[in-house]
Amino acid sequence: MASKPKPISSLLRTDGDAVAIIPFEFFATTSAISEKAKLFADIGNSRIMPPTGFQTFISGKHQNDIVRSMGTLEADFLNSCHIAMVPLADVPLEVGPAMELLNETNALFKNFCANLWLIRDNCVNTDAGYLMAMTPSGLVIHKNDMQLHFHDAHGKTGIKATFSYKEIKQAASWAFESFTHHVDAAKAAHEEPTSRVKGTTRTDRCWAWVIEARHQSDVLIKVAMYITGLEALLSTSNSELSHQLSERVALLHGKSTENKAIEKYRQMKKAYSFRSKALHGDAILAKDQEALLSTSVFLDDLCRSIMLMVQGDETFREIFKTNESIEKFFIDRLFATPA
């Protein structure tokens, strides 16, 4: 059994003490997580509290102020979710810097939710975050609107995904490792029309398109974005893209003569036919909707397997540094001598 969380009053003792709260929707755990189980090893006391934990957490002298400030409906919502809780010290008392800190904390948990997809397909979302800070005039609550909404490979939301503590820790580790990089890139691109500019890595562009695909409820658009992500990673020219990408996806899964590779090639060609309809404003036949769904699941699984290879193998990641290294890798695969 998980122990009851310490009340918030034990964390808000002096000016500048604060607690960030970020709720997760459609998220479940295989078993209760101990209060002592840190989510991010490098962020002290960061943890996930289970549903109903919020009411216990805010109980005490600050409860009425908190509920009055955020409203009963919002407090009930937080009490119905798993919530991430991060104690913070020496928080700026000015609104601007405090909100920037809240936004960065919220962004870390958005990154955590995004990385849960590397474990398995899901539609886990984060809602707006809160920063409850102690100031000379009393408790102050800041709220942002950094919501994140994902749909699964079938375009559905509202379906709970269940993760073990080991899986949660793995996603948190990936999120923390990439967090500074992604936040810095987001800040740099904030004033620009697009973040997809020369100089960004292929793996970053692929990941960005995968994230966009996961935002979509329309599965036809989702398929188009998954393929765009694969093109960002694997293509080296604009000619015969359908054949080029289908062949390279196949070769990632074996030699060109193997059955598994051939099946991947055929699935990619089918996916491209849907993508063409999406980009050219065409419509699909009603009888093809099941094939569209299966194509979306195929692409979701494919992108996940490739991103896991990129994530876990530095040698593999180096392949995608230049056009020349990509072309050499696939030519070697294509003309490999059968064992």
C-alpha atoms as a PDB file:
ATOM      1  CA  MET A   1       0.000   0.000   0.000  1.00  0.00           C
ATOM      2  CA  ALA A   2       1.209   3.508  -0.800  1.00  0.00           C
ATOM      3  CA  SER A   3       1.643   5.727   2.244  1.00  0.00           C
ATOM      4  CA  LYS A   4      -0.434   8.859   2.572  1.00  0.00           C
ATOM      5  CA  PRO A   5       1.326  11.955   1.204  1.00  0.00           C
ATOM      6  CA  LYS A   6       2.565  14.578   3.613  1.00  0.00           C
ATOM      7  CA  PRO A   7       0.223  17.587   3.688  1.00  0.00           C
ATOM      8  CA  ILE A   8       1.153  20.568   1.583  1.00  0.00           C
ATOM      9  CA  SER A   9       1.614  22.688   4.709  1.00  0.00           C
ATOM     10  CA  SER A  10       4.742  20.661   5.521  1.00  0.00           C
ATOM     11  CA  LEU A  11       6.287  21.859   2.233  1.00  0.00           C
ATOM     12  CA  LEU A  12       5.184  25.516   2.362  1.00  0.00           C
ATOM     13  CA  ARG A  13       6.980  26.828   5.429  1.00  0.00           C
ATOM     14  CA  THR A  14       8.899  29.873   4.232  1.00  0.00           C
ATOM     15  CA  ASP A  15       8.605  32.485   1.502  1.00  0.00           C
ATOM     16  CA  GLY A  16       9.692  30.989  -1.827  1.00  0.00           C
ATOM     17  CA  ASP A  17       8.594  27.452  -0.992  1.00  0.00           C
ATOM     18  CA  ALA A  18       6.276  26.080  -3.661  1.00  0.00           C
ATOM     19  CA  VAL A  19       4.695  22.935  -5.069  1.00  0.00           C
ATOM     20  CA  ALA A  20       3.972  22.293  -8.744  1.00  0.00           C
ATOM     21  CA  ILE A  21       0.947  20.103  -9.513  1.00  0.00           C
ATOM     22  CA  ILE A  22       0.287  18.619 -12.975  1.00  0.00           C
ATOM     23  CA  PRO A  23      -2.595  16.166 -13.575  1.00  0.00           C
ATOM     24  CA  PHE A  24      -2.484  13.170 -15.944  1.00  0.00           C
ATOM     25  CA  GLU A  25      -5.613  12.001 -17.740  1.00  0.00           C
ATOM     26  CA  PHE A  26      -6.262   8.444 -18.987  1.00  0.00           C
ATOM     27  CA  PHE A  27      -3.268   7.166 -17.012  1.00  0.00           C
ATOM     28  CA  ALA A  28      -3.176   4.218 -14.601  1.00  0.00           C
ATOM     29  CA  THR A  29      -0.554   2.190 -12.777  1.00  0.00           C
ATOM     30  CA  THR A  30      -0.360  -1.570 -12.279  1.00  0.00           C
ATOM     31  CA  SER A  31       0.021  -1.057  -8.520  1.00  0.00           C
ATOM     32  CA  ALA A  32       0.074   1.783  -6.023  1.00  0.00           C
ATOM     33  CA  ILE A  33       3.251   3.857  -6.141  1.00  0.00           C
ATOM     34  CA  SER A  34       4.911   4.634  -2.842  1.00  0.00           C
ATOM     35  CA  GLU A  35       5.160   8.258  -1.784  1.00  0.00           C
ATOM     36  CA  LYS A  36       8.911   7.682  -1.473  1.00  0.00           C
ATOM     37  CA  ALA A  37       9.238   6.592  -5.114  1.00  0.00           C
ATOM     38  CA  LYS A  38      10.796   9.503  -7.007  1.00  0.00           C
ATOM     39  CA  LEU A  39       9.674  10.080 -10.557  1.00  0.00           C
ATOM     40  CA  PHE A  40      12.759  11.996 -11.691  1.00  0.00           C
ATOM     41  CA  ALA A  41      15.899  10.876  -9.892  1.00  0.00           C
ATOM     42  CA  ASP A  42      17.515  14.305 -10.283  1.00  0.00           C
ATOM     43  CA  ILE A  43      14.499  16.240  -8.988  1.00  0.00           C
ATOM     44  CA  GLY A  44      14.113  15.593  -5.283  1.00  0.00           C
ATOM     45  CA  ASN A  45      10.722  14.355  -4.085  1.00  0.00           C
ATOM     46  CA  SER A  46       9.141  14.506  -7.545  1.00  0.00           C
ATOM     47  CA  ARG A  47       6.452  11.849  -7.490  1.00  0.00           C
ATOM     48  CA  ILE A  48       3.095  10.688  -8.792  1.00  0.00           C
ATOM     49  CA  MET A  49       0.150  10.683  -6.438  1.00  0.00           C
ATOM     50  CA  PRO A  50      -2.821   8.387  -7.101  1.00  0.00           C
ATOM     51  CA  PRO A  51      -6.457   9.451  -7.554  1.00  0.00           C
ATOM     52  CA  THR A  52      -7.962  10.821  -4.316  1.00  0.00           C
ATOM     53  CA  GLY A  53      -4.455  11.762  -3.182  1.00  0.00           C
ATOM     54  CA  PHE A  54      -4.961  15.450  -3.889  1.00  0.00           C
ATOM     55  CA  GLN A  55      -7.596  15.975  -1.205  1.00  0.00           C
ATOM     56  CA  THR A  56      -5.353  14.345   1.382  1.00  0.00           C
ATOM     57  CA  PHE A  57      -2.390  16.371   0.178  1.00  0.00           C
ATOM     58  CA  ILE A  58      -4.112  19.766   0.564  1.00  0.00           C
ATOM     59  CA  SER A  59      -5.867  18.897   3.832  1.00  0.00           C
ATOM     60  CA  GLY A  60      -5.068  21.222   6.682  1.00  0.00           C
ATOM     61  CA  LYS A  61      -4.739  24.960   7.093  1.00  0.00           C
ATOM     62  CA  HIS A  62      -4.367  25.745   3.348  1.00  0.00           C
ATOM     63  CA  GLN A  63      -7.249  23.582   2.098  1.00  0.00           C
ATOM     64  CA  ASN A  64      -9.963  26.245   2.124  1.00  0.00           C
ATOM     65  CA  ASP A  65      -7.701  28.808   0.411  1.00  0.00           C
ATOM     66  CA  ILE A  66      -6.702  26.310  -2.295  1.00  0.00           C
ATOM     67  CA  VAL A  67     -10.239  25.145  -3.052  1.00  0.00           C
ATOM     68  CA  ARG A  68     -11.566  28.720  -2.996  1.00  0.00           C
ATOM     69  CA  SER A  69      -8.838  29.857  -5.401  1.00  0.00           C
ATOM     70  CA  MET A  70      -9.127  27.053  -7.959  1.00  0.00           C
ATOM     71  CA  GLY A  71     -12.828  26.243  -7.514  1.00  0.00           C
ATOM     72  CA  THR A  72     -14.549  23.088  -6.325  1.00  0.00           C
ATOM     73  CA  LEU A  73     -14.882  21.582  -9.814  1.00  0.00           C
ATOM     74  CA  GLU A  74     -11.172  21.944 -10.537  1.00  0.00           C
ATOM     75  CA  ALA A  75     -10.250  20.561  -7.105  1.00  0.00           C
ATOM     76  CA  ASP A  76     -12.544  17.574  -7.719  1.00  0.00           C
ATOM     77  CA  PHE A  77     -10.941  17.053 -11.134  1.00  0.00           C
ATOM     78  CA  LEU A  78      -7.437  17.013  -9.626  1.00  0.00           C
ATOM     79  CA  ASN A  79      -8.665  14.566  -6.999  1.00  0.00           C
ATOM     80  CA  SER A  80      -9.916  12.216  -9.720  1.00  0.00           C
ATOM     81  CA  CYS A  81      -6.548  12.020 -11.553  1.00  0.00           C
ATOM     82  CA  HIS A  82      -3.066  10.794 -10.996  1.00  0.00           C
ATOM     83  CA  ILE A  83      -1.083  13.968 -10.397  1.00  0.00           C
ATOM     84  CA  ALA A  84       2.597  14.761 -10.556  1.00  0.00           C
ATOM     85  CA  MET A  85       3.838  16.707  -7.556  1.00  0.00           C
ATOM     86  CA  VAL A  86       7.178  18.547  -7.420  1.00  0.00           C
ATOM     87  CA  PRO A  87       8.285  20.526  -4.333  1.00  0.00           C
ATOM     88  CA  LEU A  88      10.333  23.601  -5.258  1.00  0.00           C
ATOM     89  CA  ALA A  89      12.380  25.988  -3.144  1.00  0.00           C
ATOM     90  CA  ASP A  90      13.437  29.616  -3.658  1.00  0.00           C
ATOM     91  CA  VAL A  91      10.703  30.208  -6.221  1.00  0.00           C
ATOM     92  CA  PRO A  92      10.584  33.795  -7.568  1.00  0.00           C
ATOM     93  CA  LEU A  93       7.740  35.750  -5.985  1.00  0.00           C
ATOM     94  CA  GLU A  94       7.117  37.862  -9.106  1.00  0.00           C
ATOM     95  CA  VAL A  95       4.358  36.535 -11.364  1.00  0.00           C
ATOM     96  CA  GLY A  96       6.418  36.463 -14.589  1.00  0.00           C
ATOM     97  CA  PRO A  97       9.365  34.380 -13.336  1.00  0.00           C
ATOM     98  CA  ALA A  98       7.042  32.133 -11.290  1.00  0.00           C
ATOM     99  CA  MET A  99       4.946  31.398 -14.380  1.00  0.00           C
ATOM    100  CA  GLU A 100       8.076  30.680 -16.412  1.00  0.00           C
ATOM    101  CA  LEU A 101       9.134  28.130 -13.779  1.00  0.00           C
ATOM    102  CA  LEU A 102       5.664  26.559 -13.838  1.00  0.00           C
ATOM    103  CA  ASN A 103       5.717  26.388 -17.639  1.00  0.00           C
ATOM    104  CA  GLU A 104       9.115  24.667 -17.642  1.00  0.00           C
ATOM    105  CA  THR A 105       7.957  22.170 -15.021  1.00  0.00           C
ATOM    106  CA  ASN A 106       4.771  21.539 -16.987  1.00  0.00           C
ATOM    107  CA  ALA A 107       6.855  21.067 -20.151  1.00  0.00           C
ATOM    108  CA  LEU A 108       8.918  18.371 -18.428  1.00  0.00           C
ATOM    109  CA  PHE A 109       5.776  16.386 -17.662  1.00  0.00           C
ATOM    110  CA  LYS A 110       4.456  16.907 -21.180  1.00  0.00           C
ATOM    111  CA  ASN A 111       7.741  15.393 -22.343  1.00  0.00           C
ATOM    112  CA  PHE A 112       7.189  12.506 -19.915  1.00  0.00           C
ATOM    113  CA  CYS A 113       3.735  11.845 -21.390  1.00  0.00           C
ATOM    114  CA  ALA A 114       5.156  11.971 -24.903  1.00  0.00           C
ATOM    115  CA  ASN A 115       7.816   9.421 -23.955  1.00  0.00           C
ATOM    116  CA  LEU A 116       5.219   7.016 -22.531  1.00  0.00           C
ATOM    117  CA  TRP A 117       4.379   6.361 -26.198  1.00  0.00           C
ATOM    118  CA  LEU A 118       7.800   4.714 -26.569  1.00  0.00           C
ATOM    119  CA  ILE A 119       6.543   2.094 -24.114  1.00  0.00           C
ATOM    120  CA  ARG A 120       3.226   1.539 -25.925  1.00  0.00           C
ATOM    121  CA  ASP A 121       0.493   3.381 -27.806  1.00  0.00           C
ATOM    122  CA  ASN A 122      -1.707   5.472 -25.513  1.00  0.00           C
ATOM    123  CA  CYS A 123      -3.634   8.718 -25.197  1.00  0.00           C
ATOM    124  CA  VAL A 124      -2.301   9.866 -21.812  1.00  0.00           C
ATOM    125  CA  ASN A 125      -2.618  13.656 -21.557  1.00  0.00           C
ATOM    126  CA  THR A 126      -1.495  16.379 -19.213  1.00  0.00           C
ATOM    127  CA  ASP A 127      -3.843  19.150 -18.213  1.00  0.00           C
ATOM    128  CA  ALA A 128      -3.060  22.684 -17.026  1.00  0.00           C
ATOM    129  CA  GLY A 129      -0.524  22.939 -14.219  1.00  0.00           C
ATOM    130  CA  TYR A 130      -0.615  24.766 -10.892  1.00  0.00           C
ATOM    131  CA  LEU A 131       2.121  26.351  -8.838  1.00  0.00           C
ATOM    132  CA  MET A 132       1.211  26.878  -5.186  1.00  0.00           C
ATOM    133  CA  ALA A 133       3.744  29.245  -3.662  1.00  0.00           C
ATOM    134  CA  MET A 134       4.218  30.783  -0.232  1.00  0.00           C
ATOM    135  CA  THR A 135       4.715  34.574  -0.278  1.00  0.00           C
ATOM    136  CA  PRO A 136       4.872  37.255   2.431  1.00  0.00           C
ATOM    137  CA  SER A 137       1.153  37.883   1.882  1.00  0.00           C
ATOM    138  CA  GLY A 138       0.215  34.197   2.083  1.00  0.00           C
ATOM    139  CA  LEU A 139      -0.422  31.360  -0.328  1.00  0.00           C
ATOM    140  CA  VAL A 140      -0.510  32.339  -4.036  1.00  0.00           C
ATOM    141  CA  ILE A 141      -1.654  29.984  -6.798  1.00  0.00           C
ATOM    142  CA  HIS A 142      -0.526  30.335 -10.395  1.00  0.00           C
ATOM    143  CA  LYS A 143      -2.165  28.377 -13.229  1.00  0.00           C
ATOM    144  CA  ASN A 144      -1.080  27.923 -16.832  1.00  0.00           C
ATOM    145  CA  ASP A 145      -2.929  26.518 -19.836  1.00  0.00           C
ATOM    146  CA  MET A 146      -0.264  24.096 -21.108  1.00  0.00           C
ATOM    147  CA  GLN A 147      -2.605  21.262 -21.960  1.00  0.00           C
ATOM    148  CA  LEU A 148      -1.483  18.352 -24.121  1.00  0.00           C
ATOM    149  CA  HIS A 149      -3.987  16.227 -26.009  1.00  0.00           C
ATOM    150  CA  PHE A 150      -3.008  12.946 -27.656  1.00  0.00           C
ATOM    151  CA  HIS A 151      -5.089  10.393 -29.560  1.00  0.00           C
ATOM    152  CA  ASP A 152      -4.076   6.769 -29.977  1.00  0.00           C
ATOM    153  CA  ALA A 153      -3.358   5.085 -33.317  1.00  0.00           C
ATOM    154  CA  HIS A 154      -7.115   4.565 -33.841  1.00  0.00           C
ATOM    155  CA  GLY A 155      -7.785   8.275 -33.339  1.00  0.00           C
ATOM    156  CA  LYS A 156      -9.390   7.617 -29.952  1.00  0.00           C
ATOM    157  CA  THR A 157      -9.008   9.340 -26.617  1.00  0.00           C
ATOM    158  CA  GLY A 158     -10.406   8.676 -23.159  1.00  0.00           C
ATOM    159  CA  ILE A 159      -8.974   5.146 -22.974  1.00  0.00           C
ATOM    160  CA  LYS A 160      -6.813   4.515 -19.899  1.00  0.00           C
ATOM    161  CA  ALA A 161      -3.348   3.071 -20.423  1.00  0.00           C
ATOM    162  CA  THR A 162      -1.740   1.194 -17.541  1.00  0.00           C
ATOM    163  CA  PHE A 163       1.994   1.290 -16.832  1.00  0.00           C
ATOM    164  CA  SER A 164       4.238  -0.443 -14.324  1.00  0.00           C
ATOM    165  CA  TYR A 165       6.555   1.560 -12.087  1.00  0.00           C
ATOM    166  CA  LYS A 166       9.531   0.268 -14.094  1.00  0.00           C
ATOM    167  CA  GLU A 167       7.946   1.549 -17.322  1.00  0.00           C
ATOM    168  CA  ILE A 168       7.121   4.894 -15.714  1.00  0.00           C
ATOM    169  CA  LYS A 169      10.712   5.304 -14.538  1.00  0.00           C
ATOM    170  CA  GLN A 170      12.006   4.471 -18.017  1.00  0.00           C
ATOM    171  CA  ALA A 171       9.775   7.088 -19.667  1.00  0.00           C
ATOM    172  CA  ALA A 172      10.781   9.613 -16.993  1.00  0.00           C
ATOM    173  CA  SER A 173      14.470   8.900 -17.654  1.00  0.00           C
ATOM    174  CA  TRP A 174      14.040   9.439 -21.413  1.00  0.00           C
ATOM    175  CA  ALA A 175      12.037  12.611 -20.772  1.00  0.00           C
ATOM    176  CA  PHE A 176      14.628  14.071 -18.415  1.00  0.00           C
ATOM    177  CA  GLU A 177      17.544  13.263 -20.754  1.00  0.00           C
ATOM    178  CA  SER A 178      15.913  15.078 -23.675  1.00  0.00           C
ATOM    179  CA  PHE A 179      14.116  17.801 -21.740  1.00  0.00           C
ATOM    180  CA  THR A 180      16.740  20.571 -21.803  1.00  0.00           C
ATOM    181  CA  HIS A 181      17.379  19.993 -25.492  1.00  0.00           C
ATOM    182  CA  HIS A 182      13.677  20.179 -26.412  1.00  0.00           C
ATOM    183  CA  VAL A 183      12.942  23.193 -24.195  1.00  0.00           C
ATOM    184  CA  ASP A 184      15.925  25.110 -25.567  1.00  0.00           C
ATOM    185  CA  ALA A 185      14.837  24.281 -29.130  1.00  0.00           C
ATOM    186  CA  ALA A 186      11.269  25.373 -28.372  1.00  0.00           C
ATOM    187  CA  LYS A 187      12.465  28.698 -26.921  1.00  0.00           C
ATOM    188  CA  ALA A 188      14.732  29.313 -29.893  1.00  0.00           C
ATOM    189  CA  ALA A 189      11.888  28.619 -32.314  1.00  0.00           C
ATOM    190  CA  HIS A 190       9.288  30.603 -30.373  1.00  0.00           C
ATOM    191  CA  GLU A 191       9.746  33.762 -32.438  1.00  0.00           C
ATOM    192  CA  GLU A 192      10.148  31.920 -35.751  1.00  0.00           C
ATOM    193  CA  PRO A 193       7.444  30.706 -38.184  1.00  0.00           C
ATOM    194  CA  THR A 194       8.609  27.078 -37.835  1.00  0.00           C
ATOM    195  CA  SER A 195      11.079  25.039 -35.828  1.00  0.00           C
ATOM    196  CA  ARG A 196      11.715  22.741 -38.805  1.00  0.00           C
ATOM    197  CA  VAL A 197      14.689  24.613 -40.214  1.00  0.00           C
ATOM    198  CA  LYS A 198      18.062  23.550 -41.569  1.00  0.00           C
ATOM    199  CA  GLY A 199      20.348  22.614 -38.719  1.00  0.00           C
ATOM    200  CA  THR A 200      17.799  20.626 -36.749  1.00  0.00           C
ATOM    201  CA  THR A 201      18.596  16.930 -36.693  1.00  0.00           C
ATOM    202  CA  ARG A 202      16.667  14.344 -38.666  1.00  0.00           C
ATOM    203  CA  THR A 203      15.733  12.542 -35.463  1.00  0.00           C
ATOM    204  CA  ASP A 204      14.346  15.764 -33.958  1.00  0.00           C
ATOM    205  CA  ARG A 205      12.268  16.443 -37.074  1.00  0.00           C
ATOM    206  CA  CYS A 206      10.984  12.875 -37.129  1.00  0.00           C
ATOM    207  CA  TRP A 207      10.014  13.072 -33.441  1.00  0.00           C
ATOM    208  CA  ALA A 208       8.244  16.408 -34.021  1.00  0.00           C
ATOM    209  CA  TRP A 209       6.117  14.887 -36.804  1.00  0.00           C
ATOM    210  CA  VAL A 210       5.326  11.828 -34.685  1.00  0.00           C
ATOM    211  CA  ILE A 211       4.091  14.160 -31.927  1.00  0.00           C
ATOM    212  CA  GLU A 212       1.936  16.010 -34.470  1.00  0.00           C
ATOM    213  CA  ALA A 213       0.548  12.695 -35.717  1.00  0.00           C
ATOM    214  CA  ARG A 214      -0.415  11.718 -32.175  1.00  0.00           C
ATOM    215  CA  HIS A 215      -2.342  14.966 -31.713  1.00  0.00           C
ATOM    216  CA  GLN A 216      -4.657  14.041 -34.586  1.00  0.00           C
ATOM    217  CA  SER A 217      -8.061  12.391 -34.184  1.00  0.00           C
ATOM    218  CA  ASP A 218      -8.513  12.158 -37.970  1.00  0.00           C
ATOM    219  CA  VAL A 219      -6.683   8.939 -38.833  1.00  0.00           C
ATOM    220  CA  LEU A 220      -6.127   9.887 -42.482  1.00  0.00           C
ATOM    221  CA  ILE A 221      -4.226  13.006 -41.377  1.00  0.00           C
ATOM    222  CA  LYS A 222      -2.447  10.951 -38.716  1.00  0.00           C
ATOM    223  CA  VAL A 223      -1.175   8.532 -41.386  1.00  0.00           C
ATOM    224  CA  ALA A 224       0.098  11.423 -43.508  1.00  0.00           C
ATOM    225  CA  MET A 225       2.048  12.876 -40.583  1.00  0.00           C
ATOM    226  CA  TYR A 226       3.596   9.563 -39.569  1.00  0.00           C
ATOM    227  CA  ILE A 227       4.882   9.143 -43.121  1.00  0.00           C
ATOM    228  CA  THR A 228       6.210  12.704 -43.162  1.00  0.00           C
ATOM    229  CA  GLY A 229       8.137  11.867 -39.990  1.00  0.00           C
ATOM    230  CA  LEU A 230       9.599   8.771 -41.627  1.00  0.00           C
ATOM    231  CA  GLU A 231      10.581  10.819 -44.668  1.00  0.00           C
ATOM    232  CA  ALA A 232      12.315  13.344 -42.418  1.00  0.00           C
ATOM    233  CA  LEU A 233      14.441  10.538 -40.988  1.00  0.00           C
ATOM    234  CA  LEU A 234      15.021   8.188 -43.919  1.00  0.00           C
ATOM    235  CA  SER A 235      14.789  10.035 -47.252  1.00  0.00           C
ATOM    236  CA  THR A 236      17.791  11.507 -49.058  1.00  0.00           C
ATOM    237  CA  SER A 237      16.152  12.821 -52.243  1.00  0.00           C
ATOM    238  CA  ASN A 238      12.737  13.942 -53.467  1.00  0.00           C
ATOM    239  CA  SER A 239      12.565  11.507 -56.368  1.00  0.00           C
ATOM    240  CA  GLU A 240      10.511   8.315 -56.161  1.00  0.00           C
ATOM    241  CA  LEU A 241       9.836   8.964 -52.472  1.00  0.00           C
ATOM    242  CA  SER A 242       7.205   6.252 -52.171  1.00  0.00           C
ATOM    243  CA  HIS A 243       9.567   3.563 -53.459  1.00  0.00           C
ATOM    244  CA  GLN A 244      12.589   4.965 -51.610  1.00  0.00           C
ATOM    245  CA  LEU A 245      10.890   5.097 -48.231  1.00  0.00           C
ATOM    246  CA  SER A 246       9.053   1.784 -48.634  1.00  0.00           C
ATOM    247  CA  GLU A 247      12.299   0.035 -49.547  1.00  0.00           C
ATOM    248  CA  ARG A 248      14.216   1.585 -46.646  1.00  0.00           C
ATOM    249  CA  VAL A 249      11.550   0.727 -44.094  1.00  0.00           C
ATOM    250  CA  ALA A 250      11.656  -2.842 -45.409  1.00  0.00           C
ATOM    251  CA  LEU A 251      15.452  -3.000 -45.206  1.00  0.00           C
ATOM    252  CA  LEU A 252      15.406  -1.867 -41.585  1.00  0.00           C
ATOM    253  CA  HIS A 253      13.638  -5.155 -40.857  1.00  0.00           C
ATOM    254  CA  GLY A 254      15.898  -7.525 -42.742  1.00  0.00           C
ATOM    255  CA  LYS A 255      17.511  -8.245 -46.101  1.00  0.00           C
ATOM    256  CA  SER A 256      15.581  -7.355 -49.233  1.00  0.00           C
ATOM    257  CA  THR A 257      14.775 -11.008 -49.976  1.00  0.00           C
ATOM    258  CA  GLU A 258      13.248 -11.846 -46.599  1.00  0.00           C
ATOM    259  CA  ASN A 259       9.482 -12.265 -46.188  1.00  0.00           C
ATOM    260  CA  LYS A 260       9.254  -9.801 -43.290  1.00  0.00           C
ATOM    261  CA  ALA A 261      10.988  -7.106 -45.330  1.00  0.00           C
ATOM    262  CA  ILE A 262       8.745  -7.707 -48.341  1.00  0.00           C
ATOM    263  CA  GLU A 263       5.617  -7.462 -46.193  1.00  0.00           C
ATOM    264  CA  LYS A 264       6.831  -4.165 -44.703  1.00  0.00           C
ATOM    265  CA  TYR A 265       7.442  -2.876 -48.242  1.00  0.00           C
ATOM    266  CA  ARG A 266       3.860  -3.713 -49.249  1.00  0.00           C
ATOM    267  CA  GLN A 267       2.421  -2.140 -46.107  1.00  0.00           C
ATOM    268  CA  MET A 268       4.349   1.065 -46.738  1.00  0.00           C
ATOM    269  CA  LYS A 269       3.127   1.255 -50.349  1.00  0.00           C
ATOM    270  CA  LYS A 270      -0.450   0.930 -49.078  1.00  0.00           C
ATOM    271  CA  ALA A 271       0.248   3.638 -46.474  1.00  0.00           C
ATOM    272  CA  TYR A 272       1.516   5.939 -49.217  1.00  0.00           C
ATOM    273  CA  SER A 273      -1.710   5.533 -51.160  1.00  0.00           C
ATOM    274  CA  PHE A 274      -3.641   6.838 -48.131  1.00  0.00           C
ATOM    275  CA  ARG A 275      -1.116   9.621 -47.623  1.00  0.00           C
ATOM    276  CA  SER A 276      -1.548  10.734 -51.231  1.00  0.00           C
ATOM    277  CA  LYS A 277      -5.305  11.022 -50.748  1.00  0.00           C
ATOM    278  CA  ALA A 278      -4.808  13.094 -47.600  1.00  0.00           C
ATOM    279  CA  LEU A 279      -2.382  15.557 -49.176  1.00  0.00           C
ATOM    280  CA  HIS A 280      -4.273  15.963 -52.429  1.00  0.00           C
ATOM    281  CA  GLY A 281      -7.704  16.476 -50.896  1.00  0.00           C
ATOM    282  CA  ASP A 282      -9.128  13.177 -52.077  1.00  0.00           C
ATOM    283  CA  ALA A 283     -11.515  10.989 -50.073  1.00  0.00           C
ATOM    284  CA  ILE A 284     -11.269   7.300 -49.257  1.00  0.00           C
ATOM    285  CA  LEU A 285     -13.981   4.740 -49.852  1.00  0.00           C
ATOM    286  CA  ALA A 286     -16.089   3.762 -46.868  1.00  0.00           C
ATOM    287  CA  LYS A 287     -15.015   0.136 -47.331  1.00  0.00           C
ATOM    288  CA  ASP A 288     -11.348   1.182 -46.883  1.00  0.00           C
ATOM    289  CA  GLN A 289     -11.747   2.591 -43.369  1.00  0.00           C
ATOM    290  CA  GLU A 290     -10.673  -0.632 -41.649  1.00  0.00           C
ATOM    291  CA  ALA A 291      -7.591  -0.758 -43.873  1.00  0.00           C
ATOM    292  CA  LEU A 292      -6.892   2.867 -42.919  1.00  0.00           C
ATOM    293  CA  LEU A 293      -7.047   1.995 -39.208  1.00  0.00           C
ATOM    294  CA  SER A 294      -4.730  -0.981 -39.619  1.00  0.00           C
ATOM    295  CA  THR A 295      -2.328   1.230 -41.592  1.00  0.00           C
ATOM    296  CA  SER A 296      -2.300   3.785 -38.766  1.00  0.00           C
ATOM    297  CA  VAL A 297      -1.510   1.057 -36.220  1.00  0.00           C
ATOM    298  CA  PHE A 298       1.242  -0.275 -38.504  1.00  0.00           C
ATOM    299  CA  LEU A 299       2.828   3.188 -38.828  1.00  0.00           C
ATOM    300  CA  ASP A 300       2.493   3.883 -35.112  1.00  0.00           C
ATOM    301  CA  ASP A 301       4.281   0.607 -34.286  1.00  0.00           C
ATOM    302  CA  LEU A 302       6.868   1.230 -36.999  1.00  0.00           C
ATOM    303  CA  CYS A 303       7.718   4.746 -35.819  1.00  0.00           C
ATOM    304  CA  ARG A 304       7.965   3.498 -32.241  1.00  0.00           C
ATOM    305  CA  SER A 305      10.353   0.661 -33.151  1.00  0.00           C
ATOM    306  CA  ILE A 306      12.591   3.008 -35.163  1.00  0.00           C
ATOM    307  CA  MET A 307      12.627   5.706 -32.478  1.00  0.00           C
ATOM    308  CA  LEU A 308      13.523   3.083 -29.865  1.00  0.00           C
ATOM    309  CA  MET A 309      16.461   2.005 -32.037  1.00  0.00           C
ATOM    310  CA  VAL A 310      17.514   5.646 -32.341  1.00  0.00           C
ATOM    311  CA  GLN A 311      17.080   6.140 -28.595  1.00  0.00           C
ATOM    312  CA  GLY A 312      19.001   3.052 -27.527  1.00  0.00           C
ATOM    313  CA  ASP A 313      21.827   2.673 -30.040  1.00  0.00           C
ATOM    314  CA  GLU A 314      24.310   5.486 -30.600  1.00  0.00           C
ATOM    315  CA  THR A 315      25.857   3.685 -33.592  1.00  0.00           C
ATOM    316  CA  PHE A 316      22.445   3.436 -35.238  1.00  0.00           C
ATOM    317  CA  ARG A 317      21.750   7.103 -34.428  1.00  0.00           C
ATOM    318  CA  GLU A 318      24.955   8.142 -36.209  1.00  0.00           C
ATOM    319  CA  ILE A 319      23.611   6.698 -39.488  1.00  0.00           C
ATOM    320  CA  PHE A 320      21.191   9.636 -39.784  1.00  0.00           C
ATOM    321  CA  LYS A 321      23.800  12.407 -39.622  1.00  0.00           C
ATOM    322  CA  THR A 322      24.288  12.802 -43.413  1.00  0.00           C
ATOM    323  CA  ASN A 323      22.718  11.752 -46.696  1.00  0.00           C
ATOM    324  CA  GLU A 324      25.876   9.823 -47.508  1.00  0.00           C
ATOM    325  CA  SER A 325      25.814   7.766 -44.315  1.00  0.00           C
ATOM    326  CA  ILE A 326      22.114   6.966 -44.791  1.00  0.00           C
ATOM    327  CA  GLU A 327      22.588   5.897 -48.407  1.00  0.00           C
ATOM    328  CA  LYS A 328      25.607   3.720 -47.542  1.00  0.00           C
ATOM    329  CA  PHE A 329      23.681   1.977 -44.754  1.00  0.00           C
ATOM    330  CA  PHE A 330      20.764   1.056 -47.010  1.00  0.00           C
ATOM    331  CA  ILE A 331      22.896   0.094 -50.016  1.00  0.00           C
ATOM    332  CA  ASP A 332      24.867  -2.246 -47.756  1.00  0.00           C
ATOM    333  CA  ARG A 333      21.564  -3.741 -46.547  1.00  0.00           C
ATOM    334  CA  LEU A 334      20.158  -4.025 -50.050  1.00  0.00           C
ATOM    335  CA  PHE A 335      23.143  -5.887 -51.486  1.00  0.00           C
ATOM    336  CA  ALA A 336      24.048  -7.892 -48.399  1.00  0.00           C
ATOM    337  CA  THR A 337      25.122 -11.432 -49.220  1.00  0.00           C
ATOM    338  CA  PRO A 338      22.521 -13.950 -47.969  1.00  0.00           C
ATOM    339  CA  ALA A 339      23.764 -15.988 -45.027  1.00  0.00           C
END
